[in-house]
N, C-alpha and C. Protein backbone atom coordinates (compact mmCIF):
# COMPACT_ATOMS: atom_id res chain seq x y z
N MET A 1 -5.80 35.53 29.19
CA MET A 1 -4.52 35.54 29.48
C MET A 1 -3.79 34.15 29.59
N LYS A 2 -4.41 33.25 29.37
CA LYS A 2 -3.91 31.81 30.00
C LYS A 2 -3.50 31.49 28.64
N THR A 3 -4.68 31.88 27.20
CA THR A 3 -4.41 31.29 26.24
C THR A 3 -2.96 32.14 25.33
N LYS A 4 -3.16 33.38 25.86
CA LYS A 4 -1.75 34.32 24.97
C LYS A 4 -0.32 33.93 25.96
N ALA A 5 -0.62 33.34 26.92
CA ALA A 5 0.75 33.14 27.51
C ALA A 5 1.20 31.70 26.84
N MET A 6 0.33 31.20 26.75
CA MET A 6 0.38 29.30 26.16
C MET A 6 0.96 30.05 24.35
N ALA A 7 0.68 30.67 24.00
CA ALA A 7 0.75 31.00 22.74
C ALA A 7 2.18 31.65 22.49
N LEU A 8 2.43 32.58 23.47
CA LEU A 8 3.60 33.27 23.41
C LEU A 8 4.81 32.01 23.70
N ALA A 9 4.36 31.08 24.95
CA ALA A 9 5.70 30.02 25.30
C ALA A 9 5.82 29.40 23.92
N LEU A 10 4.70 28.95 22.84
CA LEU A 10 4.70 28.17 21.76
C LEU A 10 5.53 29.14 20.56
N LEU A 11 5.46 30.21 20.65
CA LEU A 11 6.09 31.16 19.71
C LEU A 11 7.66 31.31 20.33
N LEU A 12 7.81 31.17 21.39
CA LEU A 12 9.23 31.11 21.93
C LEU A 12 10.08 29.87 21.56
N SER A 13 9.20 28.69 21.92
CA SER A 13 9.79 27.67 21.94
C SER A 13 10.22 27.27 20.32
N LEU A 14 9.16 27.83 19.17
CA LEU A 14 9.31 27.43 18.01
C LEU A 14 10.51 28.27 17.58
N MET A 15 10.38 29.60 17.69
CA MET A 15 11.48 30.34 17.49
C MET A 15 13.18 29.83 17.93
N GLY A 16 13.18 29.33 19.08
CA GLY A 16 14.00 28.64 19.49
C GLY A 16 14.45 27.33 19.10
N CYS A 17 13.91 26.40 18.31
CA CYS A 17 13.56 25.20 17.74
C CYS A 17 14.35 25.86 16.45
N THR A 18 14.02 27.02 15.93
CA THR A 18 13.98 27.23 14.71
C THR A 18 15.46 27.59 14.56
N GLU A 19 16.15 28.55 15.72
CA GLU A 19 17.82 29.38 15.73
C GLU A 19 18.47 27.81 16.06
N SER A 20 17.71 26.88 16.69
CA SER A 20 18.40 25.75 16.85
C SER A 20 18.78 24.86 15.75
N SER A 21 17.74 24.72 14.87
CA SER A 21 17.71 23.92 13.76
C SER A 21 18.39 24.61 12.81
N GLU A 22 18.84 25.75 12.75
CA GLU A 22 19.76 26.61 12.06
C GLU A 22 20.94 26.42 12.10
N GLU A 23 21.42 26.33 13.53
CA GLU A 23 22.71 26.00 14.10
C GLU A 23 23.06 24.77 13.80
N THR A 24 22.66 23.72 13.86
CA THR A 24 22.25 22.18 13.44
C THR A 24 22.73 22.29 12.22
N LYS A 25 22.01 22.73 11.33
CA LYS A 25 22.19 22.89 9.84
C LYS A 25 23.55 23.40 9.59
N SER A 26 23.90 24.41 10.22
CA SER A 26 25.15 24.84 9.59
C SER A 26 26.17 23.95 10.24
N GLU A 27 25.95 23.20 11.50
CA GLU A 27 27.08 22.27 11.77
C GLU A 27 27.11 21.30 10.65
N VAL A 28 26.04 20.65 10.41
CA VAL A 28 25.96 19.37 9.95
C VAL A 28 26.67 19.68 8.32
N LYS A 29 26.59 20.85 8.14
CA LYS A 29 27.02 21.29 6.65
C LYS A 29 28.34 21.48 6.75
N LYS A 30 28.65 22.08 7.92
CA LYS A 30 30.29 21.98 7.94
C LYS A 30 30.92 20.42 7.98
N GLU A 31 30.29 19.54 8.74
CA GLU A 31 30.55 18.35 8.92
C GLU A 31 30.67 17.65 7.74
N MET A 32 29.38 18.00 6.68
CA MET A 32 29.45 16.93 5.77
C MET A 32 30.68 17.77 4.66
N GLU A 33 30.98 19.19 4.61
CA GLU A 33 32.02 19.49 4.16
C GLU A 33 33.16 18.83 4.20
N LYS A 34 33.52 18.67 5.36
CA LYS A 34 35.00 18.01 5.86
C LYS A 34 34.87 16.31 5.65
N ALA A 35 33.73 15.94 5.47
CA ALA A 35 33.35 14.51 4.98
C ALA A 35 34.12 14.34 3.34
N GLY A 36 33.08 15.37 2.68
CA GLY A 36 33.44 15.64 1.47
C GLY A 36 34.88 15.49 0.95
N GLU A 37 35.58 16.41 1.99
CA GLU A 37 36.47 16.98 1.53
C GLU A 37 37.90 15.60 1.83
N ALA A 38 37.66 14.80 3.03
CA ALA A 38 38.16 13.92 3.29
C ALA A 38 37.91 12.69 2.29
N THR A 39 36.63 12.66 1.84
CA THR A 39 36.20 11.56 0.97
C THR A 39 37.26 11.68 -0.51
N ALA A 40 37.13 13.14 -0.69
CA ALA A 40 37.89 13.40 -2.31
C ALA A 40 39.28 13.08 -2.09
N ASP A 41 39.96 13.37 -0.97
CA ASP A 41 41.41 13.17 -0.87
C ASP A 41 41.59 11.77 -1.10
N ALA A 42 40.59 10.73 0.17
CA ALA A 42 41.05 9.60 0.05
C ALA A 42 41.00 8.74 -1.46
N TYR A 43 39.75 9.44 -2.28
CA TYR A 43 39.62 8.89 -3.62
C TYR A 43 40.88 9.00 -4.45
N ASP A 44 41.65 10.83 -4.43
CA ASP A 44 42.86 11.04 -4.82
C ASP A 44 43.71 10.12 -4.86
N SER A 45 44.17 9.90 -3.42
CA SER A 45 45.04 8.86 -2.83
C SER A 45 45.01 7.42 -3.35
N ALA A 46 43.68 7.10 -3.63
CA ALA A 46 43.23 5.53 -4.19
C ALA A 46 43.45 5.56 -5.59
N LYS A 47 43.31 6.87 -6.00
CA LYS A 47 43.54 6.74 -7.48
C LYS A 47 44.71 7.02 -7.74
N GLU A 48 45.66 7.44 -7.06
CA GLU A 48 47.02 7.96 -7.08
C GLU A 48 47.85 6.42 -7.06
N SER A 49 47.53 5.84 -5.77
CA SER A 49 48.11 4.52 -5.34
C SER A 49 47.66 3.51 -6.96
N ALA A 50 46.64 3.23 -7.04
CA ALA A 50 46.01 2.41 -8.24
C ALA A 50 46.86 2.95 -9.24
N ALA A 51 47.23 3.90 -9.87
CA ALA A 51 48.29 4.40 -11.08
C ALA A 51 49.50 3.80 -10.62
N ASP A 52 49.92 4.24 -9.72
CA ASP A 52 51.38 3.83 -9.26
C ASP A 52 51.66 1.76 -9.19
N SER A 53 50.48 1.67 -8.59
CA SER A 53 50.65 -0.18 -8.85
C SER A 53 50.83 -0.47 -10.31
N TRP A 54 49.71 0.05 -10.88
CA TRP A 54 49.37 -0.37 -11.99
C TRP A 54 50.93 -0.07 -13.22
N ASP A 55 51.78 1.07 -13.09
CA ASP A 55 52.76 1.31 -13.43
C ASP A 55 53.90 0.27 -12.90
N LYS A 56 53.81 0.19 -11.53
CA LYS A 56 54.60 -1.05 -11.49
C LYS A 56 54.56 -2.69 -11.87
N THR A 57 53.25 -2.78 -12.36
CA THR A 57 52.84 -3.99 -12.63
C THR A 57 53.11 -4.12 -14.33
N LYS A 58 53.11 -3.06 -14.91
CA LYS A 58 53.45 -2.74 -15.98
C LYS A 58 55.09 -2.94 -16.28
N ASP A 59 55.76 -2.51 -15.76
CA ASP A 59 57.06 -2.68 -15.55
C ASP A 59 57.55 -4.18 -15.32
N ALA A 60 57.02 -4.33 -14.17
CA ALA A 60 57.61 -5.90 -13.86
C ALA A 60 56.98 -6.80 -14.88
N THR A 61 55.99 -6.49 -15.44
CA THR A 61 55.66 -7.82 -16.58
C THR A 61 56.68 -7.71 -17.91
N SER A 62 56.79 -6.21 -18.23
CA SER A 62 57.54 -6.08 -19.17
C SER A 62 59.33 -6.10 -19.14
N GLU A 63 59.63 -6.47 -17.91
CA GLU A 63 60.94 -6.93 -17.28
C GLU A 63 61.08 -8.35 -17.41
N ALA A 64 59.79 -8.98 -17.15
CA ALA A 64 60.04 -10.32 -17.19
C ALA A 64 59.81 -10.92 -18.68
N TYR A 65 58.88 -9.89 -19.23
CA TYR A 65 58.83 -10.46 -20.65
C TYR A 65 60.30 -10.77 -21.40
N GLU A 66 60.92 -9.71 -21.14
CA GLU A 66 62.40 -9.45 -21.59
C GLU A 66 63.56 -10.47 -21.06
N ASP A 67 63.19 -10.76 -20.03
CA ASP A 67 63.74 -11.58 -19.29
C ASP A 67 63.54 -13.23 -20.01
N GLY A 68 62.60 -13.49 -20.37
CA GLY A 68 61.93 -14.56 -21.13
C GLY A 68 62.21 -14.75 -22.20
N LYS A 69 62.03 -13.81 -22.91
CA LYS A 69 62.81 -13.52 -24.43
C LYS A 69 64.30 -14.01 -24.85
N LYS A 70 65.20 -13.21 -23.76
CA LYS A 70 66.35 -13.63 -23.34
C LYS A 70 66.87 -15.03 -23.30
N MET A 71 66.00 -15.39 -22.21
CA MET A 71 66.34 -16.79 -21.82
C MET A 71 65.79 -17.83 -22.70
N ALA A 72 64.73 -17.39 -23.50
CA ALA A 72 64.49 -18.50 -24.95
C ALA A 72 65.50 -18.27 -25.45
N SER A 73 65.82 -16.84 -26.25
CA SER A 73 67.14 -16.93 -27.30
C SER A 73 68.45 -17.89 -26.85
N ASP A 74 68.75 -17.60 -25.83
CA ASP A 74 69.91 -17.99 -25.08
C ASP A 74 69.97 -19.71 -24.98
N ALA A 75 68.60 -20.01 -24.60
CA ALA A 75 68.28 -21.48 -24.93
C ALA A 75 68.06 -22.18 -26.35
N TYR A 76 67.94 -21.10 -27.16
CA TYR A 76 67.72 -21.63 -28.71
C TYR A 76 69.28 -21.41 -29.44
N GLU A 77 70.12 -20.69 -29.01
CA GLU A 77 71.42 -20.72 -29.07
C GLU A 77 72.03 -21.91 -29.11
N ASP A 78 71.99 -22.07 -27.48
CA ASP A 78 72.58 -23.19 -26.92
C ASP A 78 72.26 -24.71 -27.41
N GLY A 79 71.17 -24.75 -27.56
CA GLY A 79 70.53 -26.02 -28.38
C GLY A 79 70.99 -25.93 -29.61
N LYS A 80 71.16 -24.93 -30.51
CA LYS A 80 71.37 -24.87 -31.68
C LYS A 80 73.25 -25.36 -31.88
N GLU A 81 73.85 -24.90 -31.16
CA GLU A 81 75.18 -25.17 -31.00
C GLU A 81 75.55 -26.56 -30.51
N MET A 82 74.56 -27.44 -29.32
CA MET A 82 75.10 -28.42 -28.99
C MET A 82 74.42 -29.76 -30.34
N ALA A 83 73.41 -28.95 -31.14
CA ALA A 83 72.89 -29.99 -32.56
C ALA A 83 73.99 -30.14 -33.35
N SER A 84 75.28 -29.06 -33.24
CA SER A 84 75.97 -28.60 -34.36
C SER A 84 77.36 -29.25 -33.87
N ASP A 85 77.26 -29.21 -32.69
CA ASP A 85 78.72 -30.05 -32.18
C ASP A 85 77.95 -31.58 -32.31
N ALA A 86 76.89 -31.85 -32.02
CA ALA A 86 76.37 -33.58 -32.08
C ALA A 86 76.72 -33.75 -33.79
N TYR A 87 76.36 -32.89 -34.56
CA TYR A 87 76.28 -33.19 -36.01
C TYR A 87 77.56 -33.59 -36.41
N GLU A 88 78.82 -32.58 -35.87
CA GLU A 88 80.02 -32.59 -36.11
C GLU A 88 80.83 -34.18 -35.49
N ASP A 89 80.07 -34.42 -34.57
CA ASP A 89 80.85 -35.54 -34.03
C ASP A 89 80.42 -36.67 -34.76
N SER A 90 79.10 -36.69 -34.84
CA SER A 90 78.77 -38.06 -35.48
C SER A 90 79.83 -38.07 -37.03
N LYS A 91 79.74 -37.13 -37.66
CA LYS A 91 80.31 -36.98 -38.68
C LYS A 91 81.60 -37.66 -38.73
N LYS A 92 82.59 -37.30 -37.63
CA LYS A 92 83.78 -37.87 -37.50
C LYS A 92 83.68 -39.07 -37.06
N MET A 93 82.65 -39.52 -36.14
CA MET A 93 82.51 -41.08 -36.08
C MET A 93 82.56 -41.81 -37.04
N ALA A 94 81.13 -41.20 -37.98
CA ALA A 94 81.22 -42.12 -38.96
C ALA A 94 82.43 -42.39 -39.99
N SER A 95 83.18 -41.00 -40.15
CA SER A 95 84.40 -41.05 -40.78
C SER A 95 85.22 -42.35 -40.37
N ASP A 96 85.48 -42.27 -39.04
CA ASP A 96 86.41 -42.76 -38.33
C ASP A 96 85.74 -44.45 -38.73
N ALA A 97 84.47 -44.70 -38.62
CA ALA A 97 84.24 -46.01 -38.65
C ALA A 97 84.27 -46.41 -39.88
N TYR A 98 84.21 -45.52 -41.09
CA TYR A 98 84.45 -45.78 -42.38
C TYR A 98 85.92 -45.99 -42.96
N ASP A 99 86.77 -45.40 -42.40
CA ASP A 99 88.16 -45.89 -42.08
C ASP A 99 88.57 -47.35 -41.43
N ALA A 100 87.85 -47.02 -40.48
CA ALA A 100 88.31 -48.35 -39.87
C ALA A 100 87.60 -49.79 -40.63
N THR A 101 86.58 -49.82 -41.03
CA THR A 101 86.15 -50.59 -41.71
C THR A 101 86.86 -50.75 -43.13
N ALA A 102 87.38 -49.39 -44.08
CA ALA A 102 88.19 -49.75 -45.12
C ALA A 102 89.25 -50.49 -44.50
N GLU A 103 90.03 -50.14 -43.57
CA GLU A 103 91.09 -50.69 -43.06
C GLU A 103 91.25 -52.32 -43.12
N LYS A 104 90.03 -52.65 -42.06
CA LYS A 104 89.40 -54.20 -41.84
C LYS A 104 89.20 -54.80 -43.37
N ALA A 105 88.54 -54.18 -44.27
CA ALA A 105 88.10 -54.98 -45.61
C ALA A 105 89.29 -55.12 -46.14
N GLY A 106 90.46 -53.99 -46.26
CA GLY A 106 91.67 -53.70 -46.74
C GLY A 106 92.36 -55.45 -46.27
N GLU A 107 92.47 -55.32 -44.86
CA GLU A 107 93.26 -56.56 -43.86
C GLU A 107 92.47 -58.22 -44.28
N PHE A 108 91.20 -58.16 -44.77
CA PHE A 108 90.32 -59.48 -45.13
C PHE A 108 91.12 -59.75 -46.53
N LYS A 109 90.98 -58.47 -47.18
CA LYS A 109 91.23 -58.72 -48.58
C LYS A 109 92.56 -59.19 -48.74
N ASP A 110 93.84 -58.64 -48.16
CA ASP A 110 95.01 -59.31 -48.00
C ASP A 110 94.79 -60.65 -47.71
N ALA A 111 94.39 -60.91 -46.53
CA ALA A 111 94.50 -62.41 -46.06
C ALA A 111 93.95 -63.20 -46.95
N ALA A 112 92.72 -62.35 -47.53
CA ALA A 112 92.01 -63.63 -48.71
C ALA A 112 92.79 -64.06 -49.57
N ALA A 113 93.67 -62.94 -50.22
CA ALA A 113 94.50 -62.93 -51.29
C ALA A 113 95.71 -64.21 -50.95
N LYS A 114 96.31 -63.52 -49.76
CA LYS A 114 97.48 -64.60 -49.71
C LYS A 114 96.92 -66.30 -48.99
N LYS A 115 95.69 -66.51 -48.71
CA LYS A 115 95.28 -67.51 -48.91
C LYS A 115 94.79 -68.43 -49.97
N ALA A 116 94.42 -67.64 -50.97
CA ALA A 116 94.00 -67.69 -52.09
C ALA A 116 95.77 -68.48 -53.07
N TYR A 117 96.49 -67.37 -52.55
CA TYR A 117 98.05 -67.78 -53.37
C TYR A 117 98.30 -69.08 -52.85
N GLU A 118 98.25 -69.26 -50.85
CA GLU A 118 98.77 -70.48 -50.70
C GLU A 118 98.33 -71.43 -51.20
N ALA A 119 97.00 -71.69 -51.30
CA ALA A 119 95.99 -72.75 -51.59
C ALA A 119 96.53 -72.75 -53.43
N CYS A 120 96.58 -71.90 -53.99
CA CYS A 120 97.20 -72.23 -55.32
C CYS A 120 98.53 -72.43 -55.71
N VAL A 121 99.31 -72.34 -54.58
CA VAL A 121 100.93 -72.92 -54.75
C VAL A 121 100.68 -74.31 -54.30
N LYS A 122 99.68 -74.71 -53.34
CA LYS A 122 99.53 -76.03 -52.87
C LYS A 122 99.38 -76.92 -53.70
N MET A 123 98.45 -76.23 -54.42
CA MET A 123 97.32 -76.87 -55.57
C MET A 123 98.45 -77.92 -56.91
N LYS A 124 99.39 -76.36 -56.98
CA LYS A 124 100.63 -76.43 -58.04
C LYS A 124 101.31 -77.09 -57.75
N GLU A 125 101.55 -77.62 -56.67
CA GLU A 125 102.95 -78.34 -55.98
C GLU A 125 102.31 -79.79 -56.03
N GLN A 126 101.14 -80.12 -55.53
CA GLN A 126 100.06 -81.18 -55.61
C GLN A 126 100.26 -81.48 -57.09
N MET A 127 99.77 -81.25 -57.60
CA MET A 127 99.39 -81.82 -59.30
C MET A 127 100.48 -81.31 -60.26
N GLY A 128 101.58 -80.64 -59.72
CA GLY A 128 102.85 -80.37 -60.61
C GLY A 128 102.63 -79.30 -61.66
N GLY A 129 102.19 -78.32 -61.12
CA GLY A 129 101.99 -77.09 -62.07
C GLY A 129 103.00 -76.08 -61.89
N ASP A 130 103.00 -75.08 -62.41
CA ASP A 130 104.12 -73.65 -62.73
C ASP A 130 103.52 -73.04 -61.48
N VAL A 131 104.25 -73.11 -60.47
CA VAL A 131 103.92 -72.07 -59.62
C VAL A 131 103.93 -70.60 -59.63
N SER A 132 104.85 -70.19 -60.78
CA SER A 132 104.60 -68.80 -60.75
C SER A 132 103.11 -68.20 -61.22
N GLU A 133 102.45 -69.14 -61.79
CA GLU A 133 101.01 -68.82 -62.18
C GLU A 133 99.93 -68.31 -61.30
N CYS A 134 100.46 -68.52 -59.81
CA CYS A 134 99.69 -68.11 -58.85
C CYS A 134 99.94 -66.73 -58.51
N ASP A 135 100.96 -66.09 -59.14
CA ASP A 135 101.35 -64.77 -58.74
C ASP A 135 100.11 -63.44 -59.31
N ASP A 136 99.40 -64.35 -60.21
CA ASP A 136 98.13 -63.04 -60.64
C ASP A 136 97.20 -63.23 -59.80
């Protein structure tokens, strides 16, 4: 009888463990399903956030590229205009310098002609020549 009682106690304890084990498995399964759903939600949220960040980065990069292109184009146009203005200014300065040089050359030529005439007249007067020959 003692053996029968021990066998019965063992059987009851095993059945209790089996039932307890089934309950634990069920609870663990439910918890794992909840964790799986939470993980899937977190993954979807992270994926969506990454896609949004990528779109924002692409948009910002595109805007920066377009702004840079406009700035480079504006700088090129400004440089071209400055170079054109400098070219026109240098042409005007060269023309003014040429005109001033021509005017001075004319003044030097006139002064040289006057000196030559005066020297001719003085020489003719001293040597007794015809002063009218100095007009040529």
